[in-house]
C-alpha atoms as a PDB file:
ATOM      1  CA  MET A   1      51.916  -9.263  -9.193  1.00  0.00           C
ATOM      2  CA  ILE A   2      49.701  -6.463  -8.384  1.00  0.00           C
ATOM      3  CA  ASN A   3      47.222  -7.006  -5.458  1.00  0.00           C
ATOM      4  CA  PHE A   4      43.858  -5.359  -5.188  1.00  0.00           C
ATOM      5  CA  GLU A   5      44.637  -3.152  -2.950  1.00  0.00           C
ATOM      6  CA  GLU A   6      47.291  -1.463  -5.175  1.00  0.00           C
ATOM      7  CA  SER A   7      45.403  -1.558  -8.360  1.00  0.00           C
ATOM      8  CA  ALA A   8      42.715   0.551  -6.117  1.00  0.00           C
ATOM      9  CA  LEU A   9      45.094   3.092  -4.911  1.00  0.00           C
ATOM     10  CA  ASN A  10      46.585   3.571  -8.539  1.00  0.00           C
ATOM     11  CA  PHE A  11      43.619   4.245  -9.744  1.00  0.00           C
ATOM     12  CA  LEU A  12      42.490   6.734  -7.199  1.00  0.00           C
ATOM     13  CA  ARG A  13      45.983   8.541  -7.861  1.00  0.00           C
ATOM     14  CA  GLN A  14      45.166   8.483 -11.510  1.00  0.00           C
ATOM     15  CA  ASN A  15      42.145  10.795 -10.428  1.00  0.00           C
ATOM     16  CA  ILE A  16      43.810  13.272  -8.654  1.00  0.00           C
ATOM     17  CA  ARG A  17      44.303  16.323 -10.372  1.00  0.00           C
ATOM     18  CA  ASP A  18      47.310  18.619  -9.844  1.00  0.00           C
ATOM     19  CA  ILE A  19      46.774  22.432  -9.870  1.00  0.00           C
ATOM     20  CA  PRO A  20      50.132  24.337 -10.127  1.00  0.00           C
ATOM     21  CA  ASP A  21      50.393  27.688  -8.556  1.00  0.00           C
ATOM     22  CA  PHE A  22      47.405  27.558  -6.091  1.00  0.00           C
ATOM     23  CA  PRO A  23      46.549  28.796  -3.880  1.00  0.00           C
ATOM     24  CA  LYS A  24      50.059  30.682  -4.818  1.00  0.00           C
ATOM     25  CA  PRO A  25      52.933  30.490  -7.049  1.00  0.00           C
ATOM     26  CA  GLY A  26      55.361  27.461  -6.259  1.00  0.00           C
ATOM     27  CA  ILE A  27      52.714  25.387  -4.782  1.00  0.00           C
ATOM     28  CA  ILE A  28      51.146  22.004  -6.522  1.00  0.00           C
ATOM     29  CA  PHE A  29      47.719  21.585  -5.241  1.00  0.00           C
ATOM     30  CA  LYS A  30      46.438  18.356  -5.195  1.00  0.00           C
ATOM     31  CA  ASP A  31      42.785  18.261  -5.614  1.00  0.00           C
ATOM     32  CA  ILE A  32      40.708  15.600  -4.867  1.00  0.00           C
ATOM     33  CA  THR A  33      37.289  16.726  -6.596  1.00  0.00           C
ATOM     34  CA  PRO A  34      37.746  14.499  -9.200  1.00  0.00           C
ATOM     35  CA  LEU A  35      36.912  11.832  -6.826  1.00  0.00           C
ATOM     36  CA  LEU A  36      34.123  13.167  -5.817  1.00  0.00           C
ATOM     37  CA  LYS A  37      32.188  13.376  -9.601  1.00  0.00           C
ATOM     38  CA  ASN A  38      32.796   9.737 -10.076  1.00  0.00           C
ATOM     39  CA  PRO A  39      30.840   6.988  -8.287  1.00  0.00           C
ATOM     40  CA  ASP A  40      33.401   4.325  -8.388  1.00  0.00           C
ATOM     41  CA  THR A  41      36.455   6.493  -7.051  1.00  0.00           C
ATOM     42  CA  LEU A  42      33.628   8.114  -4.503  1.00  0.00           C
ATOM     43  CA  ASN A  43      32.821   4.641  -3.180  1.00  0.00           C
ATOM     44  CA  LEU A  44      36.347   3.412  -3.503  1.00  0.00           C
ATOM     45  CA  THR A  45      37.895   6.168  -1.308  1.00  0.00           C
ATOM     46  CA  SER A  46      35.022   5.648   1.551  1.00  0.00           C
ATOM     47  CA  ARG A  47      35.698   1.818   1.420  1.00  0.00           C
ATOM     48  CA  LEU A  48      39.525   2.088   1.440  1.00  0.00           C
ATOM     49  CA  LEU A  49      39.443   5.096   4.313  1.00  0.00           C
ATOM     50  CA  ALA A  50      37.205   2.704   6.560  1.00  0.00           C
ATOM     51  CA  LYS A  51      38.667  -0.535   5.990  1.00  0.00           C
ATOM     52  CA  PRO A  52      41.319  -0.105   9.060  1.00  0.00           C
ATOM     53  CA  PHE A  53      38.778   1.114  11.468  1.00  0.00           C
ATOM     54  CA  LEU A  54      36.185  -1.572  11.026  1.00  0.00           C
ATOM     55  CA  ASN A  55      35.661  -3.078  13.834  1.00  0.00           C
ATOM     56  CA  LYS A  56      37.591  -0.918  16.298  1.00  0.00           C
ATOM     57  CA  ASN A  57      34.616   0.617  18.257  1.00  0.00           C
ATOM     58  CA  VAL A  58      34.459   4.372  16.646  1.00  0.00           C
ATOM     59  CA  ASP A  59      31.886   6.920  18.040  1.00  0.00           C
ATOM     60  CA  LEU A  60      33.022   9.631  16.596  1.00  0.00           C
ATOM     61  CA  ILE A  61      34.483  10.847  12.902  1.00  0.00           C
ATOM     62  CA  VAL A  62      35.796  14.370  13.574  1.00  0.00           C
ATOM     63  CA  GLY A  63      36.278  16.113  10.376  1.00  0.00           C
ATOM     64  CA  LEU A  64      38.540  19.305   9.489  1.00  0.00           C
ATOM     65  CA  GLU A  65      37.335  22.052   7.652  1.00  0.00           C
ATOM     66  CA  SER A  66      36.312  21.893   4.915  1.00  0.00           C
ATOM     67  CA  ARG A  67      37.232  19.379   2.838  1.00  0.00           C
ATOM     68  CA  GLY A  68      37.858  16.854   5.774  1.00  0.00           C
ATOM     69  CA  PHE A  69      33.734  16.922   5.935  1.00  0.00           C
ATOM     70  CA  LEU A  70      33.779  15.483   2.322  1.00  0.00           C
ATOM     71  CA  PHE A  71      34.788  11.778   2.722  1.00  0.00           C
ATOM     72  CA  GLY A  72      34.767  12.285   6.918  1.00  0.00           C
ATOM     73  CA  THR A  73      30.686  11.975   6.829  1.00  0.00           C
ATOM     74  CA  THR A  74      31.194   8.904   4.571  1.00  0.00           C
ATOM     75  CA  LEU A  75      33.755   7.405   6.898  1.00  0.00           C
ATOM     76  CA  ALA A  76      31.522   8.040   9.688  1.00  0.00           C
ATOM     77  CA  MET A  77      28.426   6.391   7.798  1.00  0.00           C
ATOM     78  CA  ASP A  78      30.679   3.384   6.958  1.00  0.00           C
ATOM     79  CA  LEU A  79      31.545   3.110  10.898  1.00  0.00           C
ATOM     80  CA  HIS A  80      28.272   3.576  12.005  1.00  0.00           C
ATOM     81  CA  ALA A  81      29.461   6.633  13.796  1.00  0.00           C
ATOM     82  CA  GLY A  82      28.679  10.172  14.515  1.00  0.00           C
ATOM     83  CA  PHE A  83      30.187  12.892  13.027  1.00  0.00           C
ATOM     84  CA  VAL A  84      31.684  16.049  14.251  1.00  0.00           C
ATOM     85  CA  PRO A  85      32.782  18.876  12.519  1.00  0.00           C
ATOM     86  CA  ILE A  86      36.086  21.121  13.137  1.00  0.00           C
ATOM     87  CA  ARG A  87      36.017  24.687  11.899  1.00  0.00           C
ATOM     88  CA  LYS A  88      37.654  27.673  11.390  1.00  0.00           C
ATOM     89  CA  PRO A  89      36.730  30.397  14.257  1.00  0.00           C
ATOM     90  CA  ASN A  90      33.300  32.093  14.616  1.00  0.00           C
ATOM     91  CA  LYS A  91      31.419  29.380  11.983  1.00  0.00           C
ATOM     92  CA  LEU A  92      29.783  27.301  14.736  1.00  0.00           C
ATOM     93  CA  PRO A  93      26.558  29.052  16.376  1.00  0.00           C
ATOM     94  CA  GLY A  94      26.804  27.065  19.691  1.00  0.00           C
ATOM     95  CA  GLU A  95      29.460  27.426  22.598  1.00  0.00           C
ATOM     96  CA  THR A  96      32.894  26.347  21.139  1.00  0.00           C
ATOM     97  CA  VAL A  97      36.454  25.480  22.534  1.00  0.00           C
ATOM     98  CA  SER A  98      39.300  26.822  20.691  1.00  0.00           C
ATOM     99  CA  ALA A  99      43.104  25.349  19.973  1.00  0.00           C
ATOM    100  CA  THR A 100      45.650  27.444  18.252  1.00  0.00           C
ATOM    101  CA  TYR A 101      48.261  25.724  16.006  1.00  0.00           C
ATOM    102  CA  GLN A 102      51.340  27.198  14.132  1.00  0.00           C
ATOM    103  CA  LEU A 103      51.769  28.112  10.406  1.00  0.00           C
ATOM    104  CA  GLU A 104      54.294  28.758   8.224  1.00  0.00           C
ATOM    105  CA  TYR A 105      54.345  32.167   9.105  1.00  0.00           C
ATOM    106  CA  GLY A 106      51.936  32.942  12.310  1.00  0.00           C
ATOM    107  CA  THR A 107      49.049  31.027  13.716  1.00  0.00           C
ATOM    108  CA  ASP A 108      45.790  29.811  13.124  1.00  0.00           C
ATOM    109  CA  SER A 109      42.937  28.375  15.472  1.00  0.00           C
ATOM    110  CA  VAL A 110      39.817  25.871  15.161  1.00  0.00           C
ATOM    111  CA  GLU A 111      36.805  25.493  17.223  1.00  0.00           C
ATOM    112  CA  ILE A 112      34.529  22.145  18.185  1.00  0.00           C
ATOM    113  CA  HIS A 113      31.242  22.534  19.775  1.00  0.00           C
ATOM    114  CA  ALA A 114      31.650  22.428  23.269  1.00  0.00           C
ATOM    115  CA  ASP A 115      28.944  19.620  23.619  1.00  0.00           C
ATOM    116  CA  SER A 116      30.098  17.324  20.963  1.00  0.00           C
ATOM    117  CA  ILE A 117      32.238  14.899  22.593  1.00  0.00           C
ATOM    118  CA  ILE A 118      31.702  13.556  25.925  1.00  0.00           C
ATOM    119  CA  LYS A 119      34.280  11.899  28.361  1.00  0.00           C
ATOM    120  CA  GLY A 120      35.414   8.243  26.459  1.00  0.00           C
ATOM    121  CA  ASN A 121      34.170   8.974  23.317  1.00  0.00           C
ATOM    122  CA  ARG A 122      36.582   7.167  20.524  1.00  0.00           C
ATOM    123  CA  VAL A 123      37.161   9.561  17.995  1.00  0.00           C
ATOM    124  CA  VAL A 124      39.141   9.351  14.555  1.00  0.00           C
ATOM    125  CA  ILE A 125      40.379  12.711  13.047  1.00  0.00           C
ATOM    126  CA  HIS A 126      39.757  12.793   9.421  1.00  0.00           C
ATOM    127  CA  ASP A 127      41.030  15.417   6.899  1.00  0.00           C
ATOM    128  CA  ASP A 128      41.765  15.242   2.820  1.00  0.00           C
ATOM    129  CA  LEU A 129      45.374  15.742   3.391  1.00  0.00           C
ATOM    130  CA  ILE A 130      48.310  15.774   5.904  1.00  0.00           C
ATOM    131  CA  ALA A 131      50.978  18.597   5.391  1.00  0.00           C
ATOM    132  CA  THR A 132      52.483  19.898   8.803  1.00  0.00           C
ATOM    133  CA  GLY A 133      50.087  18.536  11.020  1.00  0.00           C
ATOM    134  CA  GLY A 134      49.506  21.516  12.998  1.00  0.00           C
ATOM    135  CA  THR A 135      45.418  21.506  12.408  1.00  0.00           C
ATOM    136  CA  ALA A 136      45.464  17.481  13.339  1.00  0.00           C
ATOM    137  CA  SER A 137      46.987  18.406  16.327  1.00  0.00           C
ATOM    138  CA  ALA A 138      45.209  21.051  16.859  1.00  0.00           C
ATOM    139  CA  ALA A 139      41.793  18.692  16.641  1.00  0.00           C
ATOM    140  CA  THR A 140      43.686  16.385  18.936  1.00  0.00           C
ATOM    141  CA  LYS A 141      43.923  19.154  21.609  1.00  0.00           C
ATOM    142  CA  LEU A 142      40.383  19.934  21.321  1.00  0.00           C
ATOM    143  CA  VAL A 143      39.517  16.116  21.114  1.00  0.00           C
ATOM    144  CA  GLU A 144      41.393  15.435  24.369  1.00  0.00           C
ATOM    145  CA  LYS A 145      40.244  18.624  26.086  1.00  0.00           C
ATOM    146  CA  LEU A 146      36.477  17.307  26.050  1.00  0.00           C
ATOM    147  CA  GLY A 147      37.025  14.067  27.344  1.00  0.00           C
ATOM    148  CA  GLY A 148      37.530  12.137  23.901  1.00  0.00           C
ATOM    149  CA  GLU A 149      40.172   9.498  22.960  1.00  0.00           C
ATOM    150  CA  VAL A 150      41.896   9.767  19.676  1.00  0.00           C
ATOM    151  CA  ILE A 151      42.157   6.453  18.280  1.00  0.00           C
ATOM    152  CA  GLY A 152      42.899   7.179  14.760  1.00  0.00           C
ATOM    153  CA  TYR A 153      43.629   9.389  12.061  1.00  0.00           C
ATOM    154  CA  SER A 154      42.462   9.333   8.319  1.00  0.00           C
ATOM    155  CA  PHE A 155      43.966  11.115   5.169  1.00  0.00           C
ATOM    156  CA  ILE A 156      43.201  10.456   1.429  1.00  0.00           C
ATOM    157  CA  LEU A 157      46.853  12.051   0.859  1.00  0.00           C
ATOM    158  CA  GLU A 158      50.141  12.908   2.621  1.00  0.00           C
ATOM    159  CA  LEU A 159      52.808  15.288   1.601  1.00  0.00           C
ATOM    160  CA  THR A 160      55.533  13.268   3.376  1.00  0.00           C
ATOM    161  CA  PHE A 161      58.133  16.084   2.835  1.00  0.00           C
ATOM    162  CA  LEU A 162      56.837  18.159   5.383  1.00  0.00           C
ATOM    163  CA  GLY A 163      56.627  15.800   8.127  1.00  0.00           C
ATOM    164  CA  GLY A 164      53.325  16.210   9.641  1.00  0.00           C
ATOM    165  CA  MET A 165      53.025  12.537  11.034  1.00  0.00           C
ATOM    166  CA  LYS A 166      55.623  13.530  13.551  1.00  0.00           C
ATOM    167  CA  ASN A 167      52.777  15.732  15.097  1.00  0.00           C
ATOM    168  CA  LEU A 168      50.489  13.235  15.715  1.00  0.00           C
ATOM    169  CA  LYS A 169      49.421  11.263  18.922  1.00  0.00           C
ATOM    170  CA  GLU A 170      51.744   8.512  19.295  1.00  0.00           C
ATOM    171  CA  GLY A 171      50.142   4.679  19.159  1.00  0.00           C
ATOM    172  CA  ALA A 172      47.058   6.067  17.251  1.00  0.00           C
ATOM    173  CA  LEU A 173      45.913   4.170  14.035  1.00  0.00           C
ATOM    174  CA  ILE A 174      47.105   6.370  11.002  1.00  0.00           C
ATOM    175  CA  ASN A 175      45.343   5.522   7.551  1.00  0.00           C
ATOM    176  CA  THR A 176      46.906   7.446   4.514  1.00  0.00           C
ATOM    177  CA  LEU A 177      45.730   6.452   1.270  1.00  0.00           C
ATOM    178  CA  LEU A 178      48.351   7.957  -1.197  1.00  0.00           C
ATOM    179  CA  LYS A 179      51.786   9.457  -0.426  1.00  0.00           C
ATOM    180  CA  TYR A 180      53.465  12.541  -2.011  1.00  0.00           C
END
C-alpha cells in the first residue's frame, strides 16, 4: 500500500521535466519550474521541504543562487525564519565574505553579506539540487565563519551518483525529496 507521502513524492516526480543536453551535451537537466507554475505542486513541495524542520527552532534559511531562492523563501516563511541569500561574486551590494569551492574543472566562489548571520543562529541551507555538494559545502563554511550553526540541509533533488552528501556537515539533518 502506498502511503500519502510516497504518493505526494510521485506526484512531484511526475512534474519534474528532463531537458536533454542542457547546459551542455550529455547532461540531462532536471527542471523544477513546472513545480512553480502549478499551485498544488508549489504548495506540496513547500510543505514537504518544511516538514522535517518543524519545531527545530530554525532562525535562518540560507538559499543558494539562484534556484535555491525559489523554495528557500517559502521554506523560511513556513518555518517562521528569516532568509539569507548566498550569491555568486559581486552580486551583493554590502560587505561580503566569500568561500571558494572545487568544480569538476577549476574553482568557483560564493558570497554572503558579512552581517547576515549572528553568532548562534540556527541555519538550514537550501538549494533545489545537490550534485557534488561543492556549493553546499562552501555555504556551510560561510555560515560557520559568521558564527552560525548549520543544523540542516534541504534539497528538492539529489543526483546520488555524484556523491554530494559526503561533503555535507556530519550530524546535520538532511531532507531530500527526490533522488535520481
